[in-house]
Protein backbone atom coordinates (compact mmCIF):
# COMPACT_ATOMS: atom_id res chain seq x y z
CA UNK A 1 -47.61 -16.01 -20.11
CA UNK A 2 -45.88 -14.23 -22.96
CA UNK A 3 -42.29 -13.15 -23.00
CA UNK A 4 -42.07 -9.38 -23.52
CA UNK A 5 -38.51 -9.31 -24.81
CA UNK A 6 -39.64 -8.03 -28.21
CA UNK A 7 -42.38 -8.05 -30.83
CA UNK A 8 -42.53 -11.45 -32.55
CA UNK A 9 -41.87 -11.30 -36.25
CA UNK A 10 -43.84 -13.18 -38.90
CA UNK A 11 -41.06 -15.74 -39.19
CA UNK A 12 -41.51 -16.86 -35.55
CA UNK A 13 -43.54 -19.96 -34.86
CA UNK A 14 -46.72 -19.49 -32.83
CA UNK A 15 -45.53 -22.00 -30.24
CA UNK A 16 -42.68 -19.61 -29.35
CA UNK A 17 -45.13 -17.94 -26.93
CA UNK A 18 -46.97 -19.45 -24.01
CA UNK A 19 -50.64 -20.05 -24.86
CA UNK A 20 -51.73 -17.77 -21.97
CA UNK A 21 -51.17 -14.87 -24.36
CA UNK A 22 -54.46 -15.64 -26.08
CA UNK A 23 -56.32 -14.55 -22.96
CA UNK A 24 -55.79 -10.95 -24.05
CA UNK A 25 -57.48 -11.79 -27.35
CA UNK A 26 -60.28 -13.67 -25.67
CA UNK A 27 -60.98 -10.81 -23.23
CA UNK A 28 -62.00 -8.61 -26.12
CA UNK A 29 -64.29 -11.43 -27.30
CA UNK A 30 -65.78 -11.77 -23.78
CA UNK A 31 -64.86 -15.47 -23.43
CA UNK A 32 -62.66 -15.12 -20.33
CA UNK A 33 -64.47 -17.68 -18.20
CA UNK A 34 -64.15 -20.44 -20.75
CA UNK A 35 -60.44 -19.70 -21.26
CA UNK A 36 -59.70 -19.68 -17.51
CA UNK A 37 -61.29 -23.11 -17.22
CA UNK A 38 -59.10 -24.38 -20.06
CA UNK A 39 -55.97 -23.09 -18.31
CA UNK A 40 -56.95 -24.77 -15.03
CA UNK A 41 -57.56 -28.05 -16.84
CA UNK A 42 -54.20 -27.79 -18.58
CA UNK A 43 -52.36 -27.38 -15.27
CA UNK A 44 -54.11 -30.41 -13.82
CA UNK A 45 -53.32 -32.60 -16.84
CA UNK A 46 -49.64 -31.79 -17.37
CA UNK A 47 -48.88 -35.47 -17.11
CA UNK A 48 -50.79 -36.11 -20.31
CA UNK A 49 -48.18 -35.63 -23.08
CA UNK A 50 -50.80 -35.25 -25.80
CA UNK A 51 -52.76 -32.50 -24.06
CA UNK A 52 -50.31 -29.61 -24.77
CA UNK A 53 -50.18 -30.48 -28.47
CA UNK A 54 -53.99 -30.68 -28.63
CA UNK A 55 -54.32 -27.31 -26.90
CA UNK A 56 -51.71 -25.78 -29.21
CA UNK A 57 -53.69 -26.85 -32.26
CA UNK A 58 -56.78 -25.22 -30.78
CA UNK A 59 -55.01 -21.99 -29.77
CA UNK A 60 -52.80 -21.57 -32.83
CA UNK A 61 -55.38 -19.56 -34.85
CA UNK A 62 -55.96 -17.27 -31.86
CA UNK A 63 -52.24 -16.61 -31.42
CA UNK A 64 -51.77 -16.01 -35.14
CA UNK A 65 -54.69 -13.59 -35.06
CA UNK A 66 -53.07 -11.71 -32.15
CA UNK A 67 -49.76 -11.46 -34.02
CA UNK A 68 -51.64 -10.11 -37.04
CA UNK A 69 -53.35 -7.47 -34.92
CA UNK A 70 -50.03 -6.41 -33.37
CA UNK A 71 -48.54 -5.91 -36.83
CA UNK A 72 -51.57 -4.11 -38.24
CA UNK A 73 -52.15 -1.57 -35.46
CA UNK A 74 -52.23 -0.78 -31.74
CA UNK A 75 -53.81 -3.38 -29.46
CA UNK A 76 -55.43 -1.63 -26.45
CA UNK A 77 -54.06 -3.00 -23.20
CA UNK A 78 -53.40 -1.51 -19.75
CA UNK A 79 -51.12 -2.72 -16.99
CA UNK A 80 -53.04 -3.70 -13.86
CA UNK A 81 -50.07 -4.66 -11.66
CA UNK A 82 -46.30 -5.13 -11.82
CA UNK A 83 -44.92 -8.02 -9.78
CA UNK A 84 -41.18 -8.27 -9.01
CA UNK A 85 -39.71 -11.63 -7.98
CA UNK A 86 -36.24 -12.86 -7.07
CA UNK A 87 -34.75 -9.72 -5.50
CA UNK A 88 -33.74 -10.93 -2.05
CA UNK A 89 -31.00 -8.31 -1.57
CA UNK A 90 -31.81 -5.57 -4.06
CA UNK A 91 -34.22 -2.92 -2.82
CA UNK A 92 -37.65 -2.83 -4.46
CA UNK A 93 -37.32 0.93 -4.93
CA UNK A 94 -34.32 0.46 -7.24
CA UNK A 95 -36.36 -1.69 -9.64
CA UNK A 96 -39.61 0.25 -9.31
CA UNK A 97 -37.84 3.49 -10.24
CA UNK A 98 -37.55 2.13 -13.79
CA UNK A 99 -41.21 1.06 -14.16
CA UNK A 100 -43.00 4.35 -14.90
CA UNK A 101 -42.97 3.80 -18.65
CA UNK A 102 -44.62 0.38 -18.49
CA UNK A 103 -47.21 1.49 -15.92
CA UNK A 104 -48.30 4.33 -18.20
CA UNK A 105 -48.48 2.21 -21.37
CA UNK A 106 -51.90 1.94 -23.05
CA UNK A 107 -51.22 -0.57 -25.86
CA UNK A 108 -49.50 -3.93 -26.10
CA UNK A 109 -46.90 -2.43 -28.43
CA UNK A 110 -46.02 0.23 -25.83
CA UNK A 111 -45.82 -2.42 -23.09
CA UNK A 112 -43.44 -4.58 -25.12
CA UNK A 113 -41.27 -1.57 -26.01
CA UNK A 114 -41.14 -0.41 -22.38
CA UNK A 115 -40.30 -3.96 -21.26
CA UNK A 116 -37.30 -4.02 -23.61
CA UNK A 117 -36.02 -0.73 -22.17
CA UNK A 118 -36.55 -1.89 -18.57
CA UNK A 119 -34.75 -5.16 -19.30
CA UNK A 120 -31.75 -3.23 -20.66
CA UNK A 121 -31.65 -0.78 -17.73
CA UNK A 122 -31.84 -3.53 -15.10
CA UNK A 123 -29.04 -5.49 -16.75
CA UNK A 124 -26.97 -2.31 -16.94
CA UNK A 125 -27.00 -2.12 -13.13
CA UNK A 126 -24.71 -5.20 -13.08
CA UNK A 127 -26.68 -6.55 -10.09
CA UNK A 128 -28.43 -9.41 -11.90
CA UNK A 129 -27.25 -12.46 -13.80
CA UNK A 130 -30.55 -12.57 -15.70
CA UNK A 131 -33.72 -10.51 -16.10
CA UNK A 132 -36.94 -11.94 -17.56
CA UNK A 133 -40.10 -9.91 -18.12
CA UNK A 134 -43.37 -11.67 -18.98
CA UNK A 135 -46.99 -10.64 -19.53
CA UNK A 136 -49.91 -12.41 -17.92
CA UNK A 137 -53.63 -11.73 -18.11
CA UNK A 138 -55.17 -9.32 -15.62
CA UNK A 139 -58.08 -10.07 -13.29
CA UNK A 140 -61.15 -11.54 -15.05
CA UNK A 141 -63.31 -8.68 -13.79
CA UNK A 142 -60.98 -6.15 -15.53
CA UNK A 143 -60.93 -7.02 -19.24
CA UNK A 144 -58.24 -5.43 -21.36
CA UNK A 145 -55.65 -5.51 -18.57
CA UNK A 146 -52.41 -7.38 -18.01
CA UNK A 147 -50.06 -8.18 -15.15
CA UNK A 148 -46.33 -7.68 -15.75
CA UNK A 149 -44.04 -10.14 -13.96
CA UNK A 150 -40.37 -9.26 -13.60
CA UNK A 151 -38.21 -12.23 -12.58
CA UNK A 152 -34.61 -11.37 -11.66
CA UNK A 153 -31.70 -13.57 -10.64
CA UNK A 154 -29.20 -11.68 -8.49
CA UNK A 155 -25.53 -12.11 -9.26
CA UNK A 156 -23.90 -15.00 -7.43
CA UNK A 157 -20.40 -13.50 -7.59
CA UNK A 158 -20.57 -9.85 -6.47
CA UNK A 159 -16.77 -9.62 -6.18
CA UNK A 160 -14.73 -9.36 -9.37
CA UNK A 161 -11.26 -8.20 -10.31
CA UNK A 162 -8.90 -7.71 -13.18
CA UNK A 163 -5.24 -7.01 -13.77
CA UNK A 164 -3.32 -6.04 -16.87
CA UNK A 165 -0.23 -4.44 -18.32
CA UNK A 166 -0.59 -1.40 -20.57
CA UNK A 167 2.02 0.27 -22.73
CA UNK A 168 2.18 4.01 -23.37
CA UNK A 169 3.99 4.19 -26.67
CA UNK A 170 4.60 7.95 -26.60
CA UNK A 171 6.11 7.95 -23.14
CA UNK A 172 7.96 4.68 -23.85
CA UNK A 173 6.76 3.27 -20.54
CA UNK A 174 4.40 0.61 -19.24
CA UNK A 175 2.03 0.35 -16.30
CA UNK A 176 0.60 -2.51 -14.32
CA UNK A 177 -3.01 -1.88 -13.35
CA UNK A 178 -5.37 -3.86 -11.16
CA UNK A 179 -8.86 -3.29 -9.81
CA UNK A 180 -11.42 -4.93 -7.52
CA UNK A 181 -15.18 -4.40 -7.75
CA UNK A 182 -17.94 -5.29 -5.32
CA UNK A 183 -21.48 -5.07 -6.68
CA UNK A 184 -24.70 -4.27 -4.86
CA UNK A 185 -23.21 -4.18 -1.39
CA UNK A 186 -26.19 -2.47 0.28
CA UNK A 187 -28.92 -3.37 -2.22
CA UNK A 188 -29.08 0.05 -3.92
CA UNK A 189 -27.24 -1.10 -7.04
CA UNK A 190 -24.11 0.41 -5.52
CA UNK A 191 -20.82 -0.46 -7.19
CA UNK A 192 -17.70 -0.21 -5.02
CA UNK A 193 -14.28 -0.38 -6.60
CA UNK A 194 -10.62 0.06 -5.73
CA UNK A 195 -7.83 0.36 -8.27
CA UNK A 196 -4.05 0.54 -8.30
CA UNK A 197 -1.78 1.52 -11.18
CA UNK A 198 2.00 1.54 -11.10
CA UNK A 199 4.20 2.73 -13.95
CA UNK A 200 7.76 1.68 -14.57
CA UNK A 201 8.53 5.39 -14.96
CA UNK A 202 7.67 5.66 -11.23
CA UNK A 203 4.18 7.08 -11.77
CA UNK A 204 1.40 5.64 -9.64
CA UNK A 205 -2.27 6.04 -8.79
CA UNK A 206 -4.40 4.60 -6.00
CA UNK A 207 -8.13 5.28 -5.92
CA UNK A 208 -11.39 4.00 -4.46
CA UNK A 209 -14.93 4.98 -5.25
CA UNK A 210 -18.62 4.17 -5.23
CA UNK A 211 -21.30 4.53 -7.89
CA UNK A 212 -24.99 4.84 -6.94
CA UNK A 213 -27.39 4.65 -9.91
CA UNK A 214 -30.42 5.75 -7.84
CA UNK A 215 -30.16 6.63 -4.17
CA UNK A 216 -33.03 7.73 -1.92
CA UNK A 217 -35.21 8.90 -4.78
CA UNK A 218 -32.51 10.83 -6.67
CA UNK A 219 -33.23 10.85 -10.39
CA UNK A 220 -29.58 10.91 -11.49
CA UNK A 221 -26.60 8.70 -10.58
CA UNK A 222 -24.10 9.80 -7.96
CA UNK A 223 -20.40 8.99 -7.83
CA UNK A 224 -17.71 9.62 -5.23
CA UNK A 225 -14.03 8.85 -5.61
CA UNK A 226 -10.96 9.35 -3.43
CA UNK A 227 -7.65 9.32 -5.26
CA UNK A 228 -3.91 9.64 -4.71
CA UNK A 229 -1.96 9.99 -7.92
CA UNK A 230 1.46 10.92 -9.20
CA UNK A 231 2.16 12.06 -12.76
CA UNK A 232 5.66 12.36 -14.14
CA UNK A 233 6.21 15.30 -16.53
CA UNK A 234 9.98 15.50 -15.98
CA UNK A 235 10.75 14.55 -19.57
CA UNK A 236 8.53 17.27 -21.04
CA UNK A 237 8.25 20.05 -18.44
CA UNK A 238 10.70 19.21 -15.60
CA UNK A 239 8.17 18.63 -12.82
CA UNK A 240 6.25 15.90 -11.07
CA UNK A 241 2.65 16.34 -10.00
CA UNK A 242 1.17 14.64 -6.93
CA UNK A 243 -2.50 14.99 -6.00
CA UNK A 244 -4.62 13.81 -3.10
CA UNK A 245 -8.28 14.56 -3.48
CA UNK A 246 -11.95 13.78 -3.82
CA UNK A 247 -14.19 13.82 -6.88
CA UNK A 248 -17.99 13.98 -6.57
CA UNK A 249 -20.35 13.38 -9.48
CA UNK A 250 -23.28 15.62 -8.57
CA UNK A 251 -25.46 15.50 -11.64
CA UNK A 252 -25.41 13.31 -14.73
CA UNK A 253 -28.12 12.89 -17.34
CA UNK A 254 -28.19 12.39 -21.08
CA UNK A 255 -26.29 15.49 -22.23
CA UNK A 256 -25.26 17.15 -18.96
CA UNK A 257 -22.64 16.31 -16.37
CA UNK A 258 -21.64 18.23 -13.24
CA UNK A 259 -18.59 17.25 -11.14
CA UNK A 260 -16.98 18.80 -8.06
CA UNK A 261 -13.24 18.29 -7.54
CA UNK A 262 -11.29 18.89 -4.35
CA UNK A 263 -7.55 18.21 -4.30
CA UNK A 264 -4.31 19.09 -2.54
CA UNK A 265 -1.65 19.26 -5.22
CA UNK A 266 2.15 19.37 -5.05
CA UNK A 267 4.60 20.14 -7.87
CA UNK A 268 8.22 19.06 -7.40
CA UNK A 269 11.40 19.01 -9.50
CA UNK A 270 13.67 16.11 -8.47
CA UNK A 271 16.06 16.91 -11.33
CA UNK A 272 16.73 20.50 -10.12
CA UNK A 273 16.95 21.46 -13.80
CA UNK A 274 13.58 23.15 -14.33
CA UNK A 275 13.24 26.49 -16.06
CA UNK A 276 12.51 29.71 -14.22
CA UNK A 277 8.77 29.58 -15.00
CA UNK A 278 8.43 26.02 -13.69
CA UNK A 279 10.45 26.78 -10.55
CA UNK A 280 8.12 29.65 -9.65
CA UNK A 281 5.18 27.21 -9.59
CA UNK A 282 6.81 24.47 -7.52
CA UNK A 283 5.20 23.77 -4.15
CA UNK A 284 1.67 23.26 -2.86
CA UNK A 285 -1.66 24.52 -4.09
CA UNK A 286 -5.31 23.80 -3.37
CA UNK A 287 -7.88 22.93 -6.04
CA UNK A 288 -11.62 23.36 -5.42
CA UNK A 289 -13.51 23.47 -8.71
CA UNK A 290 -16.85 22.80 -10.33
CA UNK A 291 -16.84 21.32 -13.83
CA UNK A 292 -19.87 21.30 -16.13
CA UNK A 293 -19.91 19.38 -19.43
CA UNK A 294 -22.55 19.58 -22.15
CA UNK A 295 -22.14 16.87 -24.76
CA UNK A 296 -24.08 15.31 -27.58
CA UNK A 297 -22.69 12.85 -30.09
CA UNK A 298 -24.83 11.93 -33.11
CA UNK A 299 -22.05 10.17 -35.00
CA UNK A 300 -22.65 6.56 -35.98
CA UNK A 301 -19.32 5.46 -34.48
CA UNK A 302 -16.69 7.06 -32.20
CA UNK A 303 -13.88 5.03 -33.82
CA UNK A 304 -14.78 5.38 -37.51
CA UNK A 305 -17.58 7.92 -37.94
CA UNK A 306 -19.00 8.06 -41.47
CA UNK A 307 -21.94 10.39 -40.78
CA UNK A 308 -23.29 12.61 -38.04
CA UNK A 309 -21.99 15.37 -35.82
CA UNK A 310 -20.84 15.94 -32.24
CA UNK A 311 -20.38 18.89 -29.92
CA UNK A 312 -18.80 19.24 -26.48
CA UNK A 313 -18.62 22.29 -24.24
CA UNK A 314 -16.76 22.15 -20.92
CA UNK A 315 -16.73 24.91 -18.33
CA UNK A 316 -14.60 24.70 -15.17
CA UNK A 317 -14.54 27.28 -12.38
CA UNK A 318 -11.80 27.05 -9.75
CA UNK A 319 -11.55 28.87 -6.45
CA UNK A 320 -14.63 27.61 -4.57
CA UNK A 321 -12.89 27.87 -1.20
CA UNK A 322 -11.76 30.76 1.07
CA UNK A 323 -8.17 29.49 1.32
CA UNK A 324 -5.60 31.91 -0.13
CA UNK A 325 -3.74 29.02 -1.76
CA UNK A 326 -6.87 27.97 -3.67
CA UNK A 327 -6.43 28.22 -7.44
CA UNK A 328 -8.90 30.70 -8.93
CA UNK A 329 -9.45 30.35 -12.64
CA UNK A 330 -12.01 29.99 -15.42
CA UNK A 331 -11.43 27.35 -18.10
CA UNK A 332 -13.60 26.97 -21.20
CA UNK A 333 -13.33 24.41 -24.01
CA UNK A 334 -15.30 23.78 -27.21
CA UNK A 335 -15.13 20.89 -29.67
CA UNK A 336 -17.21 20.55 -32.84
CA UNK A 337 -17.11 17.56 -35.24
CA UNK A 338 -18.80 16.64 -38.51
CA UNK A 339 -18.75 13.44 -40.58
CA UNK A 340 -19.96 13.62 -44.20
CA UNK A 341 -20.47 10.38 -46.22
CA UNK A 342 -19.60 10.29 -49.94
CA UNK A 343 -21.66 7.21 -50.79
CA UNK A 344 -18.98 4.88 -52.21
CA UNK A 345 -16.45 2.54 -50.57
CA UNK A 346 -17.66 3.89 -47.21
CA UNK A 347 -15.71 7.03 -47.97
CA UNK A 348 -16.33 9.81 -45.47
CA UNK A 349 -14.81 13.16 -44.60
CA UNK A 350 -14.36 13.92 -40.91
CA UNK A 351 -13.43 17.44 -39.91
CA UNK A 352 -13.48 19.35 -36.66
CA UNK A 353 -12.26 22.36 -34.77
CA UNK A 354 -11.39 22.64 -31.07
CA UNK A 355 -10.56 25.64 -28.93
CA UNK A 356 -9.90 26.42 -25.30
CA UNK A 357 -8.98 29.30 -23.04
CA UNK A 358 -8.01 29.50 -19.37
CA UNK A 359 -7.66 32.73 -17.37
CA UNK A 360 -7.07 33.53 -13.69
CA UNK A 361 -9.87 35.07 -11.63
CA UNK A 362 -9.03 38.17 -9.65
CA UNK A 363 -8.09 41.79 -9.86
CA UNK A 364 -5.60 42.52 -12.66
CA UNK A 365 -6.00 38.89 -13.72
CA UNK A 366 -4.00 39.36 -16.95
CA UNK A 367 -0.94 40.17 -14.87
CA UNK A 368 -1.30 36.93 -12.94
CA UNK A 369 -0.15 33.45 -14.00
CA UNK A 370 -2.20 30.33 -14.63
CA UNK A 371 -1.29 27.01 -13.02
CA UNK A 372 0.74 24.64 -15.20
CA UNK A 373 -1.63 21.63 -14.86
CA UNK A 374 -4.60 23.77 -15.96
CA UNK A 375 -2.94 25.00 -19.17
CA UNK A 376 -3.40 23.59 -22.66
CA UNK A 377 -0.79 21.33 -24.24
CA UNK A 378 -0.90 20.05 -27.82
CA UNK A 379 0.72 16.98 -29.35
CA UNK A 380 0.92 13.31 -28.59
CA UNK A 381 0.53 10.04 -30.44
CA UNK A 382 -3.25 10.23 -30.33
CA UNK A 383 -5.81 10.40 -33.09
CA UNK A 384 -7.89 13.61 -33.21
CA UNK A 385 -10.80 11.40 -34.31
CA UNK A 386 -10.99 9.91 -30.80
CA UNK A 387 -9.94 12.91 -28.70
CA UNK A 388 -13.37 14.54 -28.45
CA UNK A 389 -13.44 17.14 -25.68
CA UNK A 390 -11.02 19.93 -26.48
CA UNK A 391 -7.73 20.78 -28.19
CA UNK A 392 -5.08 18.15 -27.44
CA UNK A 393 -3.88 15.93 -30.30
CA UNK A 394 -1.92 16.74 -33.45
CA UNK A 395 -0.57 14.11 -35.83
CA UNK A 396 3.21 14.11 -36.08
CA UNK A 397 4.02 15.97 -32.84
CA UNK A 398 5.08 14.32 -29.59
CA UNK A 399 3.40 14.74 -26.22
CA UNK A 400 3.68 18.37 -25.10
CA UNK A 401 5.74 18.82 -28.22
CA UNK A 402 4.87 22.36 -29.29
CA UNK A 403 4.00 25.78 -27.93
CA UNK A 404 5.72 28.18 -25.52
CA UNK A 405 8.95 26.73 -24.13
CA UNK A 406 11.81 27.90 -21.94
CA UNK A 407 15.41 26.63 -21.61
CA UNK A 408 16.16 24.45 -18.62
CA UNK A 409 18.67 25.49 -16.00
CA UNK A 410 22.20 24.18 -16.37
CA UNK A 411 24.17 23.20 -13.26
CA UNK A 412 27.57 24.85 -13.28
CA UNK A 413 30.66 22.76 -12.86
CA UNK A 414 28.74 19.49 -13.23
CA UNK A 415 30.43 17.61 -16.04
CA UNK A 416 29.44 14.16 -14.82
CA UNK A 417 26.06 14.30 -16.57
CA UNK A 418 26.87 13.17 -20.09
CA UNK A 419 23.19 13.37 -21.08
CA UNK A 420 22.89 17.08 -20.27
CA UNK A 421 21.83 19.08 -23.32
CA UNK A 422 21.98 22.86 -23.29
CA UNK A 423 19.22 22.97 -25.93
CA UNK A 424 16.64 21.11 -23.79
CA UNK A 425 13.55 23.11 -22.97
CA UNK A 426 10.53 22.90 -20.71
CA UNK A 427 7.24 23.11 -22.57
CA UNK A 428 4.99 25.45 -20.59
CA UNK A 429 1.64 25.13 -22.34
CA UNK A 430 -0.60 28.06 -23.07
CA UNK A 431 -3.71 29.95 -22.02
CA UNK A 432 -5.23 29.81 -25.51
CA UNK A 433 -5.25 26.78 -27.82
CA UNK A 434 -6.88 26.12 -31.19
CA UNK A 435 -6.66 23.01 -33.35
CA UNK A 436 -8.40 21.70 -36.47
CA UNK A 437 -8.22 18.56 -38.57
CA UNK A 438 -9.63 16.89 -41.68
CA UNK A 439 -9.62 13.12 -42.22
CA UNK A 440 -10.74 11.29 -45.38
CA UNK A 441 -11.36 7.60 -44.66
CA UNK A 442 -12.11 4.91 -47.26
CA UNK A 443 -12.33 1.13 -47.60
CA UNK A 444 -9.36 -0.78 -48.96
CA UNK A 445 -9.90 -2.91 -52.08
CA UNK A 446 -9.19 -6.28 -50.46
CA UNK A 447 -12.31 -8.05 -49.14
CA UNK A 448 -10.55 -9.39 -46.04
CA UNK A 449 -9.68 -5.83 -44.97
CA UNK A 450 -13.26 -4.68 -45.46
CA UNK A 451 -14.64 -7.56 -43.39
CA UNK A 452 -12.26 -6.74 -40.51
CA UNK A 453 -12.98 -3.00 -40.70
CA UNK A 454 -9.39 -2.19 -41.68
CA UNK A 455 -9.37 0.93 -43.83
CA UNK A 456 -7.13 3.70 -45.13
CA UNK A 457 -7.18 7.43 -44.49
CA UNK A 458 -5.62 10.69 -45.59
CA UNK A 459 -5.36 13.47 -43.04
CA UNK A 460 -4.26 17.03 -42.35
CA UNK A 461 -4.18 18.94 -39.07
CA UNK A 462 -3.11 22.28 -37.67
CA UNK A 463 -2.94 23.89 -34.25
CA UNK A 464 -1.29 26.46 -32.05
CA UNK A 465 -0.90 27.47 -28.41
CA UNK A 466 -0.34 30.99 -27.05
CA UNK A 467 0.19 32.62 -23.69
CA UNK A 468 -2.06 35.51 -22.63
CA UNK A 469 -1.36 36.01 -18.92
CA UNK A 470 1.56 37.79 -17.25
CA UNK A 471 0.92 40.66 -19.68
CA UNK A 472 1.72 38.47 -22.69
CA UNK A 473 -1.61 39.48 -24.24
CA UNK A 474 0.12 42.70 -25.30
CA UNK A 475 2.28 40.69 -27.69
CA UNK A 476 -0.64 38.65 -29.04
CA UNK A 477 -2.19 39.33 -32.43
CA UNK A 478 -4.38 37.16 -34.62
CA UNK A 479 -2.15 37.41 -37.74
CA UNK A 480 0.91 36.39 -35.71
CA UNK A 481 -1.04 33.52 -34.11
CA UNK A 482 -2.14 32.20 -37.52
CA UNK A 483 1.32 32.66 -39.01
CA UNK A 484 2.93 30.52 -36.29
CA UNK A 485 0.32 27.74 -36.49
CA UNK A 486 1.88 24.26 -36.78
CA UNK A 487 0.57 21.85 -39.41
CA UNK A 488 1.09 18.34 -40.76
CA UNK A 489 -0.34 15.96 -43.38
CA UNK A 490 -0.12 12.23 -43.94
CA UNK A 491 -1.68 8.91 -44.82
CA UNK A 492 -2.06 5.60 -43.06
CA UNK A 493 -3.94 2.41 -42.33
CA UNK A 494 -6.41 2.14 -39.44
CA UNK A 495 -7.06 -1.05 -37.47
CA UNK A 496 -10.25 -0.45 -35.42
CA UNK A 497 -11.34 -2.69 -32.56
CA UNK A 498 -14.20 -2.56 -30.08
CA UNK A 499 -11.96 -0.83 -27.52
CA UNK A 500 -9.41 1.31 -29.37
CA UNK A 501 -8.22 2.63 -32.72
CA UNK A 502 -4.74 1.65 -33.94
CA UNK A 503 -3.18 3.76 -36.68
CA UNK A 504 0.01 3.18 -38.66
CA UNK A 505 0.70 6.51 -40.35
CA UNK A 506 3.29 8.28 -42.41
CA UNK A 507 3.39 11.91 -41.21
CA UNK A 508 5.01 14.89 -42.85
CA UNK A 509 5.42 18.10 -40.85
CA UNK A 510 4.56 21.14 -42.94
CA UNK A 511 5.33 23.80 -40.37
CA UNK A 512 6.88 23.81 -36.92
CA UNK A 513 9.02 25.96 -34.65
CA UNK A 514 12.71 25.32 -34.15
CA UNK A 515 12.21 23.92 -30.63
CA UNK A 516 9.10 21.83 -31.39
CA UNK A 517 9.29 18.05 -31.01
CA UNK A 518 7.90 16.69 -34.26
CA UNK A 519 9.37 14.65 -37.10
CA UNK A 520 8.56 13.10 -40.47
CA UNK A 521 8.23 9.36 -40.84
CA UNK A 522 6.26 6.32 -39.74
CA UNK A 523 4.33 6.74 -36.49
CA UNK A 524 2.00 4.43 -34.58
CA UNK A 525 -0.85 5.76 -32.49
CA UNK A 526 -3.18 3.91 -30.15
CA UNK A 527 -6.31 5.81 -29.12
CA UNK A 528 -9.46 5.02 -27.17
CA UNK A 529 -12.58 7.18 -27.61
CA UNK A 530 -13.00 9.81 -24.87
């Protein structure tokens, strides 16, 4: 048998493959019967230590000839049968769903390439500790054929868990998060998980879900998740958001993703200091929406792209329920990125533009108001390089640190609150958002930095948020929108890892509004690719 993990290179020794591989060569020379007799004799004389070496010397020229033929051109070969072994719990249909490519292969090169892909896909299911794919000769009466044997070892520890503490630098808070996973519970490659996250700022999330890679003949994975979460926006917008809901992944292939969300949402203001706009939105609402995402990313890296391009379009429609409290809206986002290499010191220019708009659905929709959680907010200690998906991040501005804002309510006669500030405002977000950035990255001169991937960058960004609903579109004009656009520039050092991108930057704000939360100076950002 021959391992099909890859095409052997010329540097590999011939004895790296099992001598049964030469049966494919011998079939084309019509010497199958003699070769089968040699194999039977070898099995009967395993006790003779000299016999394998003698056989290897005889078969070495044949194996070398086969390697030469593989390198020089296609070797005709068809798959007669695929045999799966070792799956005591996993359903045969789950494995067989990945075998179409190898069944339709017509050359040895195609079989080996398909075997590599199948090996990767089966390991990606997280159901097996090991996957081994080998080729054996087909029946003697069918020359030019091969049998493919897939040997799997199912995982011995289906239950796993992890726990960790994570710090959110912008919010100056930390969370403790833990999760449990149970793999392949019913033999369909199903992955069950439950997670819990608790923040020291009294935010929390509890969720449980299941992932089915292929279920009952479906060609795309399915996901289902139940969640209960609480998000604290008191510091920025004077409200807390609590949601209980269900998320269903209906369709997911290479560039397309379709998700249905159903949630009962509550907005509260424990501080009793919220602005008039926030107070009008406090209470319960019902979310029933369908979200479609089209995405392709041809960049060579999501953390430090030096060439390529990426594009994301997200469309969300809310109001897919007859309830009068159901939020009805249309939300559209675009994000376009380019990375252009300069050819020296790994210097590359990254630039991109993002935009988004959200509008209510209904009669006289421009007189209506959009829900606060569905609006666009800019700012935050995130890198625009990693925030692919829509307008969100701007260097130098804090979370929800710019855009339309409204003064908070002041409680009369309450002098006990020494921290009360009459200038504090609630940031309300906007119905229209646009942002753009340019980032020039380059290697640092020290060799140790280059080996670790640590590099420098110069950057500039700009963005703005505007309100269109509640008849505010009458006050909107493109010149005014461009004139009030916020901007910043800076330089810094980037420390990339396999999981996140750490930046230490010096930012200088070029333009901001009087109530915006942004400042000059050293800032640290920690971003994971979205």
